[in-house]
Amino acid sequence: MIAEIISVGTELLLGNILNTNAQHLSKHLADLGIEVHFQTVVGDNPARIMAAVETAYTRADTVIMTGGLGPTKDDITKEMLAEYFHRKLVMDEQALAMLENLLTAAGRQSLKDSLAKQALVPENSLVLYNHHGTAPGIIMEYDGRTCILLPGPPKEMEPMFAEYCMDYLRARSHRVLVSVNIKMLSIEEAPRLAVGEAPVADALDELLDQENPTVATYAKDDGCLIRVTAAAADHDAAMGMIEPVIAEIRHRLGDEYIRYIREELPE
């Protein structure tokens, strides 16, 4: 499974808010063994949203979109995806009742049309009811393509993804990704050995060209980080692929210059 994340919101393009949604989703998709090759940010514009979706489906089978599900006129993500999948918008009575209950609890008497539009969902879709806000999420499937629509506010998106989407995606992913981090000592701690990223990468040489497991180096202030990642059917199989690579890295770099070796655990 290959996924693409599309974050919708002009405020993201203007730099008014930080796009933590894409970071959160990417981490959890990796834990599920789902590859993310592209992330896209697009403003609240119908033509550009549609172009982003059409492009995404040329390189991914699953598109996850955040933002644009709210009550204002520029919240148009749901409408654009309903059009893309050729589905009518219909009123979901449970989502509408949840909106009415929220208004009653807030001491408001009437539900305006602008708020009620959040309860409109594409027909024949899976509705993800929002227990932390107003706009429900949506999952649509058609012709081998899946689209997941999630609200933009992180306090709504993150619990909705955990409650509904993790199990949904786990059932469709046939592998896991496992990563092990190898942390080197800093240059200050080992001044007589070149332990910066460039010399470490030189020592690892052809290991950095492997595809599975992959080996990557990252420059850090407190010492170079090496990450070894394997994709496999389960955790034990992935570790079986990683362990020989770790042994070779230890042989090339020397245990005395390694701060720690530990598995990168999901957050």
C-alpha atoms as a PDB file:
ATOM      1  CA  MET A   1       0.000   0.000   0.000  1.00  0.00           C
ATOM      2  CA  ILE A   2       1.274   3.443  -0.950  1.00  0.00           C
ATOM      3  CA  ALA A   3      -0.348   6.501   0.592  1.00  0.00           C
ATOM      4  CA  GLU A   4      -0.169  10.198  -0.141  1.00  0.00           C
ATOM      5  CA  ILE A   5      -1.011  12.901   2.378  1.00  0.00           C
ATOM      6  CA  ILE A   6      -2.762  16.050   1.173  1.00  0.00           C
ATOM      7  CA  SER A   7      -3.106  18.875   3.674  1.00  0.00           C
ATOM      8  CA  VAL A   8      -5.745  21.410   2.687  1.00  0.00           C
ATOM      9  CA  GLY A   9      -5.683  24.991   3.927  1.00  0.00           C
ATOM     10  CA  THR A  10      -4.493  28.335   2.655  1.00  0.00           C
ATOM     11  CA  GLU A  11      -3.327  29.124   6.192  1.00  0.00           C
ATOM     12  CA  LEU A  12      -0.735  26.342   5.818  1.00  0.00           C
ATOM     13  CA  LEU A  13       0.649  27.867   2.632  1.00  0.00           C
ATOM     14  CA  LEU A  14       0.842  31.300   4.276  1.00  0.00           C
ATOM     15  CA  GLY A  15       2.796  29.868   7.190  1.00  0.00           C
ATOM     16  CA  ASN A  16       0.159  30.893   9.708  1.00  0.00           C
ATOM     17  CA  ILE A  17       0.074  27.427  11.278  1.00  0.00           C
ATOM     18  CA  LEU A  18       2.493  24.511  11.436  1.00  0.00           C
ATOM     19  CA  ASN A  19       1.535  21.364   9.529  1.00  0.00           C
ATOM     20  CA  THR A  20       1.792  18.880  12.395  1.00  0.00           C
ATOM     21  CA  ASN A  21      -0.926  16.693  10.848  1.00  0.00           C
ATOM     22  CA  ALA A  22       1.337  15.459   8.052  1.00  0.00           C
ATOM     23  CA  GLN A  23       4.091  14.625  10.526  1.00  0.00           C
ATOM     24  CA  HIS A  24       1.678  12.737  12.786  1.00  0.00           C
ATOM     25  CA  LEU A  25       0.166  10.760   9.913  1.00  0.00           C
ATOM     26  CA  SER A  26       3.522   9.903   8.341  1.00  0.00           C
ATOM     27  CA  LYS A  27       4.851   8.455  11.601  1.00  0.00           C
ATOM     28  CA  HIS A  28       1.805   6.276  12.145  1.00  0.00           C
ATOM     29  CA  LEU A  29       1.604   5.142   8.529  1.00  0.00           C
ATOM     30  CA  ALA A  30       5.236   4.038   8.731  1.00  0.00           C
ATOM     31  CA  ASP A  31       4.397   2.038  11.854  1.00  0.00           C
ATOM     32  CA  LEU A  32       1.683   0.304   9.822  1.00  0.00           C
ATOM     33  CA  GLY A  33       4.112  -0.560   7.029  1.00  0.00           C
ATOM     34  CA  ILE A  34       2.480   1.891   4.614  1.00  0.00           C
ATOM     35  CA  GLU A  35       4.839   3.883   2.426  1.00  0.00           C
ATOM     36  CA  VAL A  36       4.372   7.626   1.950  1.00  0.00           C
ATOM     37  CA  HIS A  37       6.199   8.910  -1.117  1.00  0.00           C
ATOM     38  CA  PHE A  38       4.699  12.404  -1.315  1.00  0.00           C
ATOM     39  CA  GLN A  39       3.103  15.033   0.909  1.00  0.00           C
ATOM     40  CA  THR A  40       1.184  17.895  -0.677  1.00  0.00           C
ATOM     41  CA  VAL A  41      -0.139  21.163   0.741  1.00  0.00           C
ATOM     42  CA  VAL A  42      -2.858  22.891  -1.248  1.00  0.00           C
ATOM     43  CA  GLY A  43      -4.970  25.981  -0.613  1.00  0.00           C
ATOM     44  CA  ASP A  44      -8.745  26.198  -0.376  1.00  0.00           C
ATOM     45  CA  ASN A  45      -9.253  26.329  -4.135  1.00  0.00           C
ATOM     46  CA  PRO A  46     -11.505  23.867  -6.024  1.00  0.00           C
ATOM     47  CA  ALA A  47      -9.372  23.496  -9.142  1.00  0.00           C
ATOM     48  CA  ARG A  48      -6.139  23.107  -7.214  1.00  0.00           C
ATOM     49  CA  ILE A  49      -7.632  20.604  -4.761  1.00  0.00           C
ATOM     50  CA  MET A  50      -8.935  18.521  -7.650  1.00  0.00           C
ATOM     51  CA  ALA A  51      -5.566  18.695  -9.423  1.00  0.00           C
ATOM     52  CA  ALA A  52      -3.779  17.574  -6.252  1.00  0.00           C
ATOM     53  CA  VAL A  53      -6.121  14.599  -5.867  1.00  0.00           C
ATOM     54  CA  GLU A  54      -5.815  13.558  -9.513  1.00  0.00           C
ATOM     55  CA  THR A  55      -2.023  13.732  -9.310  1.00  0.00           C
ATOM     56  CA  ALA A  56      -1.950  11.786  -6.041  1.00  0.00           C
ATOM     57  CA  TYR A  57      -3.836   8.858  -7.537  1.00  0.00           C
ATOM     58  CA  THR A  58      -1.246   8.514 -10.305  1.00  0.00           C
ATOM     59  CA  ARG A  59       1.320   7.504  -7.661  1.00  0.00           C
ATOM     60  CA  ALA A  60      -0.650   6.188  -4.663  1.00  0.00           C
ATOM     61  CA  ASP A  61      -3.665   3.975  -4.038  1.00  0.00           C
ATOM     62  CA  THR A  62      -4.620   5.639  -0.756  1.00  0.00           C
ATOM     63  CA  VAL A  63      -5.020   9.379  -0.230  1.00  0.00           C
ATOM     64  CA  ILE A  64      -5.387  10.847   3.244  1.00  0.00           C
ATOM     65  CA  MET A  65      -6.598  14.445   3.366  1.00  0.00           C
ATOM     66  CA  THR A  66      -6.815  16.758   6.344  1.00  0.00           C
ATOM     67  CA  GLY A  67      -8.680  20.057   6.533  1.00  0.00           C
ATOM     68  CA  GLY A  68     -11.546  21.670   4.673  1.00  0.00           C
ATOM     69  CA  LEU A  69     -14.418  19.832   6.386  1.00  0.00           C
ATOM     70  CA  GLY A  70     -15.704  22.730   8.473  1.00  0.00           C
ATOM     71  CA  PRO A  71     -18.730  25.037   8.173  1.00  0.00           C
ATOM     72  CA  THR A  72     -17.327  27.963   6.170  1.00  0.00           C
ATOM     73  CA  LYS A  73     -17.609  28.566   2.439  1.00  0.00           C
ATOM     74  CA  ASP A  74     -13.945  27.811   1.840  1.00  0.00           C
ATOM     75  CA  ASP A  75     -14.262  24.384   3.495  1.00  0.00           C
ATOM     76  CA  ILE A  76     -14.703  22.452   0.258  1.00  0.00           C
ATOM     77  CA  THR A  77     -12.625  19.278   0.574  1.00  0.00           C
ATOM     78  CA  LYS A  78     -15.617  16.998   1.048  1.00  0.00           C
ATOM     79  CA  GLU A  79     -17.483  18.549  -1.889  1.00  0.00           C
ATOM     80  CA  MET A  80     -14.470  18.149  -4.198  1.00  0.00           C
ATOM     81  CA  LEU A  81     -13.937  14.492  -3.256  1.00  0.00           C
ATOM     82  CA  ALA A  82     -17.630  13.692  -3.603  1.00  0.00           C
ATOM     83  CA  GLU A  83     -17.417  15.134  -7.110  1.00  0.00           C
ATOM     84  CA  TYR A  84     -14.239  13.179  -7.841  1.00  0.00           C
ATOM     85  CA  PHE A  85     -15.847   9.893  -6.760  1.00  0.00           C
ATOM     86  CA  HIS A  86     -19.183  10.799  -8.464  1.00  0.00           C
ATOM     87  CA  ARG A  87     -21.217  10.608  -5.273  1.00  0.00           C
ATOM     88  CA  LYS A  88     -24.086  12.711  -4.017  1.00  0.00           C
ATOM     89  CA  LEU A  89     -23.952  14.351  -0.624  1.00  0.00           C
ATOM     90  CA  VAL A  90     -26.623  13.082   1.764  1.00  0.00           C
ATOM     91  CA  MET A  91     -27.493  14.039   5.322  1.00  0.00           C
ATOM     92  CA  ASP A  92     -26.139  11.704   7.983  1.00  0.00           C
ATOM     93  CA  GLU A  93     -28.678  11.740  10.787  1.00  0.00           C
ATOM     94  CA  GLN A  94     -26.264  10.629  13.493  1.00  0.00           C
ATOM     95  CA  ALA A  95     -23.757  13.347  12.615  1.00  0.00           C
ATOM     96  CA  LEU A  96     -26.598  15.885  12.553  1.00  0.00           C
ATOM     97  CA  ALA A  97     -27.824  14.746  15.974  1.00  0.00           C
ATOM     98  CA  MET A  98     -24.315  15.067  17.369  1.00  0.00           C
ATOM     99  CA  LEU A  99     -24.145  18.644  16.075  1.00  0.00           C
ATOM    100  CA  GLU A 100     -27.508  19.474  17.626  1.00  0.00           C
ATOM    101  CA  ASN A 101     -26.403  18.012  20.960  1.00  0.00           C
ATOM    102  CA  LEU A 102     -23.257  20.131  20.906  1.00  0.00           C
ATOM    103  CA  LEU A 103     -25.316  23.266  20.294  1.00  0.00           C
ATOM    104  CA  THR A 104     -27.730  22.393  23.079  1.00  0.00           C
ATOM    105  CA  ALA A 105     -24.853  21.845  25.490  1.00  0.00           C
ATOM    106  CA  ALA A 106     -23.452  25.234  24.479  1.00  0.00           C
ATOM    107  CA  GLY A 107     -26.820  26.913  25.151  1.00  0.00           C
ATOM    108  CA  ARG A 108     -27.583  27.669  21.502  1.00  0.00           C
ATOM    109  CA  GLN A 109     -31.073  27.048  20.150  1.00  0.00           C
ATOM    110  CA  SER A 110     -30.832  26.745  16.353  1.00  0.00           C
ATOM    111  CA  LEU A 111     -28.558  24.907  13.944  1.00  0.00           C
ATOM    112  CA  LYS A 112     -27.626  27.168  11.044  1.00  0.00           C
ATOM    113  CA  ASP A 113     -27.302  25.736   7.551  1.00  0.00           C
ATOM    114  CA  SER A 114     -23.576  26.542   7.536  1.00  0.00           C
ATOM    115  CA  LEU A 115     -23.071  24.290  10.556  1.00  0.00           C
ATOM    116  CA  ALA A 116     -25.499  21.624   9.361  1.00  0.00           C
ATOM    117  CA  LYS A 117     -23.526  21.166   6.118  1.00  0.00           C
ATOM    118  CA  GLN A 118     -20.878  19.393   8.153  1.00  0.00           C
ATOM    119  CA  ALA A 119     -23.325  16.499   8.577  1.00  0.00           C
ATOM    120  CA  LEU A 120     -23.571  16.043   4.785  1.00  0.00           C
ATOM    121  CA  VAL A 121     -21.541  13.029   3.674  1.00  0.00           C
ATOM    122  CA  PRO A 122     -20.940  11.318   0.330  1.00  0.00           C
ATOM    123  CA  GLU A 123     -23.377   8.463  -0.168  1.00  0.00           C
ATOM    124  CA  ASN A 124     -22.062   4.931   0.359  1.00  0.00           C
ATOM    125  CA  SER A 125     -19.164   6.145   2.462  1.00  0.00           C
ATOM    126  CA  LEU A 126     -17.931   5.158   5.903  1.00  0.00           C
ATOM    127  CA  VAL A 127     -18.586   7.993   8.357  1.00  0.00           C
ATOM    128  CA  LEU A 128     -16.057   8.646  11.127  1.00  0.00           C
ATOM    129  CA  TYR A 129     -18.002  10.339  13.900  1.00  0.00           C
ATOM    130  CA  ASN A 130     -16.198  13.193  15.609  1.00  0.00           C
ATOM    131  CA  HIS A 131     -16.179  12.966  19.404  1.00  0.00           C
ATOM    132  CA  HIS A 132     -13.815  15.919  19.784  1.00  0.00           C
ATOM    133  CA  GLY A 133     -15.340  18.487  17.432  1.00  0.00           C
ATOM    134  CA  THR A 134     -18.064  18.998  14.854  1.00  0.00           C
ATOM    135  CA  ALA A 135     -17.084  17.737  11.385  1.00  0.00           C
ATOM    136  CA  PRO A 136     -17.128  13.947  10.855  1.00  0.00           C
ATOM    137  CA  GLY A 137     -14.439  12.238   8.841  1.00  0.00           C
ATOM    138  CA  ILE A 138     -15.135  10.071   5.805  1.00  0.00           C
ATOM    139  CA  ILE A 139     -13.674   7.001   4.101  1.00  0.00           C
ATOM    140  CA  MET A 140     -14.507   6.266   0.461  1.00  0.00           C
ATOM    141  CA  GLU A 141     -13.438   3.342  -1.676  1.00  0.00           C
ATOM    142  CA  TYR A 142     -13.789   2.958  -5.429  1.00  0.00           C
ATOM    143  CA  ASP A 143     -11.983   0.986  -8.137  1.00  0.00           C
ATOM    144  CA  GLY A 144      -8.933   0.175  -6.008  1.00  0.00           C
ATOM    145  CA  ARG A 145      -8.627   3.718  -4.664  1.00  0.00           C
ATOM    146  CA  THR A 146      -9.213   4.736  -1.064  1.00  0.00           C
ATOM    147  CA  CYS A 147      -9.688   8.259   0.245  1.00  0.00           C
ATOM    148  CA  ILE A 148      -9.734   9.192   3.927  1.00  0.00           C
ATOM    149  CA  LEU A 149     -10.950  12.676   4.846  1.00  0.00           C
ATOM    150  CA  LEU A 150     -10.052  13.954   8.311  1.00  0.00           C
ATOM    151  CA  PRO A 151     -10.690  17.282  10.050  1.00  0.00           C
ATOM    152  CA  GLY A 152      -7.876  19.823  10.169  1.00  0.00           C
ATOM    153  CA  PRO A 153      -7.594  20.655  13.893  1.00  0.00           C
ATOM    154  CA  PRO A 154      -5.030  18.236  15.383  1.00  0.00           C
ATOM    155  CA  LYS A 155      -7.111  17.801  18.548  1.00  0.00           C
ATOM    156  CA  GLU A 156      -9.828  16.313  16.309  1.00  0.00           C
ATOM    157  CA  MET A 157      -7.717  14.639  13.628  1.00  0.00           C
ATOM    158  CA  GLU A 158      -5.373  12.687  15.902  1.00  0.00           C
ATOM    159  CA  PRO A 159      -8.010  10.887  18.040  1.00  0.00           C
ATOM    160  CA  MET A 160     -10.171  10.228  14.957  1.00  0.00           C
ATOM    161  CA  PHE A 161      -7.246   8.635  13.143  1.00  0.00           C
ATOM    162  CA  ALA A 162      -6.435   6.515  16.208  1.00  0.00           C
ATOM    163  CA  GLU A 163     -10.037   5.459  16.794  1.00  0.00           C
ATOM    164  CA  TYR A 164     -11.054   4.589  13.245  1.00  0.00           C
ATOM    165  CA  CYS A 165      -8.202   4.642  10.753  1.00  0.00           C
ATOM    166  CA  MET A 166      -5.439   2.630  12.421  1.00  0.00           C
ATOM    167  CA  ASP A 167      -7.452  -0.599  12.445  1.00  0.00           C
ATOM    168  CA  TYR A 168      -8.919   0.125   9.009  1.00  0.00           C
ATOM    169  CA  LEU A 169      -5.472   0.583   7.456  1.00  0.00           C
ATOM    170  CA  ARG A 170      -3.852  -2.219   9.445  1.00  0.00           C
ATOM    171  CA  ALA A 171      -6.334  -4.662   7.948  1.00  0.00           C
ATOM    172  CA  ARG A 172      -5.256  -3.578   4.454  1.00  0.00           C
ATOM    173  CA  SER A 173      -1.514  -3.502   5.011  1.00  0.00           C
ATOM    174  CA  HIS A 174       0.312  -6.801   4.653  1.00  0.00           C
ATOM    175  CA  ARG A 175       3.620  -5.779   6.196  1.00  0.00           C
ATOM    176  CA  VAL A 176       5.261  -3.801   8.968  1.00  0.00           C
ATOM    177  CA  LEU A 177       8.183  -1.386   8.998  1.00  0.00           C
ATOM    178  CA  VAL A 178      10.704  -1.807  11.818  1.00  0.00           C
ATOM    179  CA  SER A 179      13.552   0.620  12.471  1.00  0.00           C
ATOM    180  CA  VAL A 180      16.604   0.344  14.708  1.00  0.00           C
ATOM    181  CA  ASN A 181      18.642   3.427  15.595  1.00  0.00           C
ATOM    182  CA  ILE A 182      22.398   3.322  16.080  1.00  0.00           C
ATOM    183  CA  LYS A 183      23.688   6.458  17.789  1.00  0.00           C
ATOM    184  CA  MET A 184      27.372   7.359  17.483  1.00  0.00           C
ATOM    185  CA  LEU A 185      29.386   9.356  19.970  1.00  0.00           C
ATOM    186  CA  SER A 186      29.801  13.038  19.159  1.00  0.00           C
ATOM    187  CA  ILE A 187      32.989  14.446  17.642  1.00  0.00           C
ATOM    188  CA  GLU A 188      33.744  16.091  21.007  1.00  0.00           C
ATOM    189  CA  GLU A 189      33.506  12.696  22.761  1.00  0.00           C
ATOM    190  CA  ALA A 190      35.671  10.911  20.198  1.00  0.00           C
ATOM    191  CA  PRO A 191      37.952  13.611  18.726  1.00  0.00           C
ATOM    192  CA  ARG A 192      40.506  11.166  17.395  1.00  0.00           C
ATOM    193  CA  LEU A 193      38.006   9.300  15.250  1.00  0.00           C
ATOM    194  CA  ALA A 194      35.991  10.812  12.425  1.00  0.00           C
ATOM    195  CA  VAL A 195      32.465  10.103  13.676  1.00  0.00           C
ATOM    196  CA  GLY A 196      30.626  12.875  11.814  1.00  0.00           C
ATOM    197  CA  GLU A 197      27.994  11.980   9.229  1.00  0.00           C
ATOM    198  CA  ALA A 198      30.266  12.148   6.172  1.00  0.00           C
ATOM    199  CA  PRO A 199      33.026   9.800   7.433  1.00  0.00           C
ATOM    200  CA  VAL A 200      30.425   7.435   8.903  1.00  0.00           C
ATOM    201  CA  ALA A 201      28.668   7.334   5.530  1.00  0.00           C
ATOM    202  CA  ASP A 202      32.002   6.662   3.839  1.00  0.00           C
ATOM    203  CA  ALA A 203      32.620   3.733   6.175  1.00  0.00           C
ATOM    204  CA  LEU A 204      29.182   2.266   5.536  1.00  0.00           C
ATOM    205  CA  ASP A 205      29.648   2.678   1.770  1.00  0.00           C
ATOM    206  CA  GLU A 206      27.504   0.175  -0.163  1.00  0.00           C
ATOM    207  CA  LEU A 207      25.259  -0.499   2.850  1.00  0.00           C
ATOM    208  CA  LEU A 208      23.624   2.857   2.141  1.00  0.00           C
ATOM    209  CA  ASP A 209      22.533   1.576  -1.282  1.00  0.00           C
ATOM    210  CA  GLN A 210      20.452  -1.330   0.051  1.00  0.00           C
ATOM    211  CA  GLU A 211      16.717  -1.251  -0.535  1.00  0.00           C
ATOM    212  CA  ASN A 212      15.494  -3.608   2.182  1.00  0.00           C
ATOM    213  CA  PRO A 213      16.738  -3.139   4.807  1.00  0.00           C
ATOM    214  CA  THR A 214      17.589   0.476   4.140  1.00  0.00           C
ATOM    215  CA  VAL A 215      20.441   2.218   5.949  1.00  0.00           C
ATOM    216  CA  ALA A 216      20.495   6.008   6.342  1.00  0.00           C
ATOM    217  CA  THR A 217      22.681   8.464   8.237  1.00  0.00           C
ATOM    218  CA  TYR A 218      21.585  11.709   9.884  1.00  0.00           C
ATOM    219  CA  ALA A 219      23.734  14.507  11.259  1.00  0.00           C
ATOM    220  CA  LYS A 220      22.899  15.326  14.902  1.00  0.00           C
ATOM    221  CA  ASP A 221      24.487  17.757  17.335  1.00  0.00           C
ATOM    222  CA  ASP A 222      25.200  14.988  19.834  1.00  0.00           C
ATOM    223  CA  GLY A 223      26.475  12.428  17.339  1.00  0.00           C
ATOM    224  CA  CYS A 224      25.595  10.879  13.982  1.00  0.00           C
ATOM    225  CA  LEU A 225      22.448   8.737  13.906  1.00  0.00           C
ATOM    226  CA  ILE A 226      22.221   5.638  11.725  1.00  0.00           C
ATOM    227  CA  ARG A 227      18.758   4.216  11.069  1.00  0.00           C
ATOM    228  CA  VAL A 228      18.276   0.691   9.723  1.00  0.00           C
ATOM    229  CA  THR A 229      14.733  -0.020   8.492  1.00  0.00           C
ATOM    230  CA  ALA A 230      13.248  -3.244   7.165  1.00  0.00           C
ATOM    231  CA  ALA A 231       9.856  -4.041   5.660  1.00  0.00           C
ATOM    232  CA  ALA A 232       8.554  -7.537   6.315  1.00  0.00           C
ATOM    233  CA  ALA A 233       5.445  -9.565   7.056  1.00  0.00           C
ATOM    234  CA  ASP A 234       5.917  -9.233  10.812  1.00  0.00           C
ATOM    235  CA  HIS A 235       8.228  -7.802  13.460  1.00  0.00           C
ATOM    236  CA  ASP A 236      10.344 -10.932  13.921  1.00  0.00           C
ATOM    237  CA  ALA A 237      10.960 -11.271  10.202  1.00  0.00           C
ATOM    238  CA  ALA A 238      11.984  -7.608   9.977  1.00  0.00           C
ATOM    239  CA  MET A 239      14.403  -7.964  12.901  1.00  0.00           C
ATOM    240  CA  GLY A 240      15.871 -11.038  11.250  1.00  0.00           C
ATOM    241  CA  MET A 241      16.755  -8.863   8.263  1.00  0.00           C
ATOM    242  CA  ILE A 242      18.078  -5.993  10.379  1.00  0.00           C
ATOM    243  CA  GLU A 243      20.355  -7.891  12.757  1.00  0.00           C
ATOM    244  CA  PRO A 244      23.014  -8.936  10.174  1.00  0.00           C
ATOM    245  CA  VAL A 245      23.193  -5.324   8.959  1.00  0.00           C
ATOM    246  CA  ILE A 246      23.691  -4.060  12.502  1.00  0.00           C
ATOM    247  CA  ALA A 247      26.454  -6.602  13.013  1.00  0.00           C
ATOM    248  CA  GLU A 248      28.231  -5.346   9.900  1.00  0.00           C
ATOM    249  CA  ILE A 249      27.859  -1.713  10.984  1.00  0.00           C
ATOM    250  CA  ARG A 250      29.331  -2.531  14.400  1.00  0.00           C
ATOM    251  CA  HIS A 251      32.235  -4.302  12.713  1.00  0.00           C
ATOM    252  CA  ARG A 252      32.987  -1.324  10.466  1.00  0.00           C
ATOM    253  CA  LEU A 253      32.595   1.441  13.046  1.00  0.00           C
ATOM    254  CA  GLY A 254      33.667  -0.207  16.305  1.00  0.00           C
ATOM    255  CA  ASP A 255      31.491  -0.743  19.366  1.00  0.00           C
ATOM    256  CA  GLU A 256      33.552   1.690  21.446  1.00  0.00           C
ATOM    257  CA  TYR A 257      32.280   4.605  19.318  1.00  0.00           C
ATOM    258  CA  ILE A 258      28.608   3.632  19.479  1.00  0.00           C
ATOM    259  CA  ARG A 259      26.510   5.293  22.192  1.00  0.00           C
ATOM    260  CA  TYR A 260      23.529   2.948  21.896  1.00  0.00           C
ATOM    261  CA  ILE A 261      21.605   0.596  19.607  1.00  0.00           C
ATOM    262  CA  ARG A 262      17.841   0.487  20.160  1.00  0.00           C
ATOM    263  CA  GLU A 263      14.643  -0.141  18.304  1.00  0.00           C
ATOM    264  CA  GLU A 264      12.651   2.945  17.312  1.00  0.00           C
ATOM    265  CA  LEU A 265       9.301   2.406  18.997  1.00  0.00           C
ATOM    266  CA  PRO A 266       6.005   3.895  17.738  1.00  0.00           C
ATOM    267  CA  GLU A 267       4.760   6.953  19.588  1.00  0.00           C
END
